[in-house]
Amino acid sequence: MIGAIVLVVLLAGGGAAFFLMSGGEEPVVEQATQDGTSEPAAENAAAAEAATAGPMQYFPMEPPFVVNFSADYDIRFMQISMQAADRDSAVLERVKENLPAIRNAVVMLLRGKDPEQLNTREGTEQLRQQVIEETRKVLKDLTGNGQLETIYFTSFVMQ
């Protein structure tokens, strides 16, 4: 009986040591593509990317964006604070270097919006996605690299 317990403990310890020595990573499952080559499965590729990616970093796009609407609306004023977010500090550095052009594009986008639509969660989320796309476009045009993970609205005021 004692021999069996010792054997189980030794096997468990050996398995744990092997797991730790291999880095604790799951094996990459490969899938064959149509041309006969293989590539990692989508789930493992996403997991591997998330594991190698660093923590999210933020860059405040200050001062807040301010837009006046025409007299046709009851809502006359909008102020939005935003932060660009990415896991690569080089991306945020490109945002910082090109902030005047990004601000111009975002202000032009905001001025063309219907404030009544922005009063809904769906309208605000749609606007956020458009701001992300516009920022990526400016970065692509000016730097050749339009990479940016996301932008968050940290304050959204309409009066």
Protein backbone atom coordinates (compact mmCIF):
# COMPACT_ATOMS: atom_id res chain seq x y z
CA MET A 1 0.00 0.00 0.00
CA ILE A 2 2.76 2.43 0.96
CA GLY A 3 4.63 1.50 -2.22
CA ALA A 4 1.58 2.41 -4.34
CA ILE A 5 1.26 5.79 -2.61
CA VAL A 6 4.96 6.54 -3.16
CA LEU A 7 4.60 5.56 -6.81
CA VAL A 8 1.60 7.89 -7.31
CA VAL A 9 3.44 10.78 -5.61
CA LEU A 10 6.55 10.23 -7.75
CA LEU A 11 4.49 10.10 -10.96
CA ALA A 12 2.59 13.26 -10.02
CA GLY A 13 5.82 15.05 -9.16
CA GLY A 14 7.43 13.97 -12.42
CA GLY A 15 4.41 15.17 -14.39
CA ALA A 16 4.44 18.52 -12.59
CA ALA A 17 8.18 18.92 -13.21
CA PHE A 18 7.70 18.13 -16.92
CA PHE A 19 4.86 20.65 -17.15
CA LEU A 20 6.91 23.38 -15.45
CA MET A 21 9.99 22.67 -17.57
CA SER A 22 7.92 22.94 -20.76
CA GLY A 23 6.83 26.43 -19.74
CA GLY A 24 3.30 25.39 -18.87
CA GLU A 25 2.12 26.08 -22.40
CA GLU A 26 -0.46 23.99 -24.16
CA PRO A 27 0.68 22.30 -27.35
CA VAL A 28 -0.31 24.09 -30.54
CA VAL A 29 -2.89 22.13 -32.48
CA GLU A 30 -2.38 22.49 -36.20
CA GLN A 31 -5.00 22.34 -38.88
CA ALA A 32 -4.30 21.52 -42.51
CA THR A 33 -5.17 24.24 -45.02
CA GLN A 34 -6.39 23.67 -48.54
CA ASP A 35 -2.88 23.94 -50.00
CA GLY A 36 -1.62 21.14 -47.75
CA THR A 37 0.32 23.33 -45.32
CA SER A 38 -0.62 23.46 -41.68
CA GLU A 39 -1.35 26.38 -39.40
CA PRO A 40 -2.31 26.73 -35.73
CA ALA A 41 -5.97 26.34 -34.90
CA ALA A 42 -7.76 29.67 -34.42
CA GLU A 43 -8.35 29.09 -30.71
CA ASN A 44 -4.69 28.34 -30.04
CA ALA A 45 -3.53 31.26 -32.18
CA ALA A 46 -5.74 33.67 -30.24
CA ALA A 47 -4.60 32.20 -26.93
CA ALA A 48 -0.95 32.41 -27.97
CA GLU A 49 -1.37 36.02 -29.05
CA ALA A 50 -3.08 36.95 -25.78
CA ALA A 51 -0.33 35.21 -23.80
CA THR A 52 2.46 37.08 -25.59
CA ALA A 53 0.64 40.41 -25.57
CA GLY A 54 1.45 42.73 -22.72
CA PRO A 55 -0.97 44.61 -20.55
CA MET A 56 -3.25 47.22 -22.06
CA GLN A 57 -1.70 50.70 -22.13
CA TYR A 58 -3.67 53.94 -22.41
CA PHE A 59 -3.04 57.36 -23.90
CA PRO A 60 -5.44 60.20 -23.00
CA MET A 61 -6.39 62.19 -26.09
CA GLU A 62 -6.50 65.54 -24.30
CA PRO A 63 -8.03 68.09 -24.19
CA PRO A 64 -11.59 66.73 -24.45
CA PHE A 65 -13.30 66.96 -27.84
CA VAL A 66 -15.93 69.70 -27.91
CA VAL A 67 -18.56 70.12 -30.63
CA ASN A 68 -21.42 72.60 -31.01
CA PHE A 69 -24.52 71.49 -32.87
CA SER A 70 -26.74 73.70 -35.01
CA ALA A 71 -29.84 75.43 -33.66
CA ASP A 72 -31.98 72.73 -35.31
CA TYR A 73 -31.50 70.46 -32.29
CA ASP A 74 -32.45 70.76 -28.64
CA ILE A 75 -28.99 69.43 -27.82
CA ARG A 76 -26.48 72.15 -28.64
CA PHE A 77 -23.19 70.98 -27.15
CA MET A 78 -21.17 67.77 -26.82
CA GLN A 79 -17.93 67.10 -24.94
CA ILE A 80 -16.17 63.72 -25.14
CA SER A 81 -13.02 62.61 -23.36
CA MET A 82 -11.26 59.67 -25.03
CA GLN A 83 -8.32 57.39 -24.42
CA ALA A 84 -6.53 55.37 -27.09
CA ALA A 85 -5.65 51.86 -25.91
CA ASP A 86 -3.19 49.31 -27.23
CA ARG A 87 -0.80 46.71 -25.88
CA ASP A 88 2.09 48.11 -27.96
CA SER A 89 3.60 51.35 -26.69
CA ALA A 90 4.89 52.13 -30.22
CA VAL A 91 1.29 52.34 -31.43
CA LEU A 92 0.41 54.83 -28.70
CA GLU A 93 3.54 56.82 -29.55
CA ARG A 94 2.30 57.10 -33.17
CA VAL A 95 -1.08 58.29 -31.85
CA LYS A 96 0.68 60.92 -29.72
CA GLU A 97 2.88 62.13 -32.60
CA ASN A 98 -0.11 62.48 -34.93
CA LEU A 99 -2.67 63.73 -32.42
CA PRO A 100 -3.41 67.05 -34.21
CA ALA A 101 -4.40 65.21 -37.41
CA ILE A 102 -6.39 62.63 -35.44
CA ARG A 103 -8.19 65.37 -33.49
CA ASN A 104 -9.08 67.14 -36.74
CA ALA A 105 -10.55 63.99 -38.26
CA VAL A 106 -12.50 63.14 -35.11
CA VAL A 107 -13.91 66.68 -34.74
CA MET A 108 -15.07 66.59 -38.37
CA LEU A 109 -16.71 63.23 -37.72
CA LEU A 110 -18.43 64.48 -34.54
CA ARG A 111 -19.75 67.66 -36.18
CA GLY A 112 -21.60 65.60 -38.76
CA LYS A 113 -23.50 63.53 -36.21
CA ASP A 114 -27.16 63.75 -35.27
CA PRO A 115 -27.23 64.35 -31.49
CA GLU A 116 -30.58 62.57 -31.18
CA GLN A 117 -28.98 59.33 -32.40
CA LEU A 118 -26.10 59.75 -29.96
CA ASN A 119 -28.55 59.73 -27.05
CA THR A 120 -28.81 55.94 -27.29
CA ARG A 121 -26.28 53.33 -26.21
CA GLU A 122 -26.26 51.88 -29.73
CA GLY A 123 -25.64 55.30 -31.26
CA THR A 124 -22.79 56.01 -28.86
CA GLU A 125 -21.18 52.61 -29.53
CA GLN A 126 -21.53 53.14 -33.28
CA LEU A 127 -19.83 56.52 -32.89
CA ARG A 128 -17.01 54.92 -30.89
CA GLN A 129 -16.44 52.38 -33.67
CA GLN A 130 -16.40 55.18 -36.25
CA VAL A 131 -13.84 57.11 -34.16
CA ILE A 132 -11.64 54.01 -34.02
CA GLU A 133 -11.89 53.54 -37.79
CA GLU A 134 -11.18 57.23 -38.44
CA THR A 135 -8.15 57.16 -36.12
CA ARG A 136 -6.79 54.04 -37.82
CA LYS A 137 -7.28 55.68 -41.22
CA VAL A 138 -5.32 58.78 -40.17
CA LEU A 139 -2.54 56.63 -38.71
CA LYS A 140 -2.41 54.54 -41.90
CA ASP A 141 -2.28 57.65 -44.11
CA LEU A 142 0.41 59.40 -42.07
CA THR A 143 2.58 56.55 -40.81
CA GLY A 144 1.80 53.62 -43.08
CA ASN A 145 0.62 51.64 -40.06
CA GLY A 146 -3.05 51.86 -39.10
CA GLN A 147 -2.79 49.55 -36.12
CA LEU A 148 -4.73 50.60 -33.00
CA GLU A 149 -6.57 48.19 -30.73
CA THR A 150 -9.35 50.46 -29.49
CA ILE A 151 -10.50 53.81 -28.15
CA TYR A 152 -12.58 54.28 -25.03
CA PHE A 153 -14.92 57.16 -24.22
CA THR A 154 -14.10 58.14 -20.64
CA SER A 155 -16.58 61.01 -20.51
CA PHE A 156 -19.54 61.78 -22.75
CA VAL A 157 -21.61 64.92 -22.07
CA MET A 158 -24.37 66.40 -24.22
CA GLN A 159 -26.46 69.46 -23.28
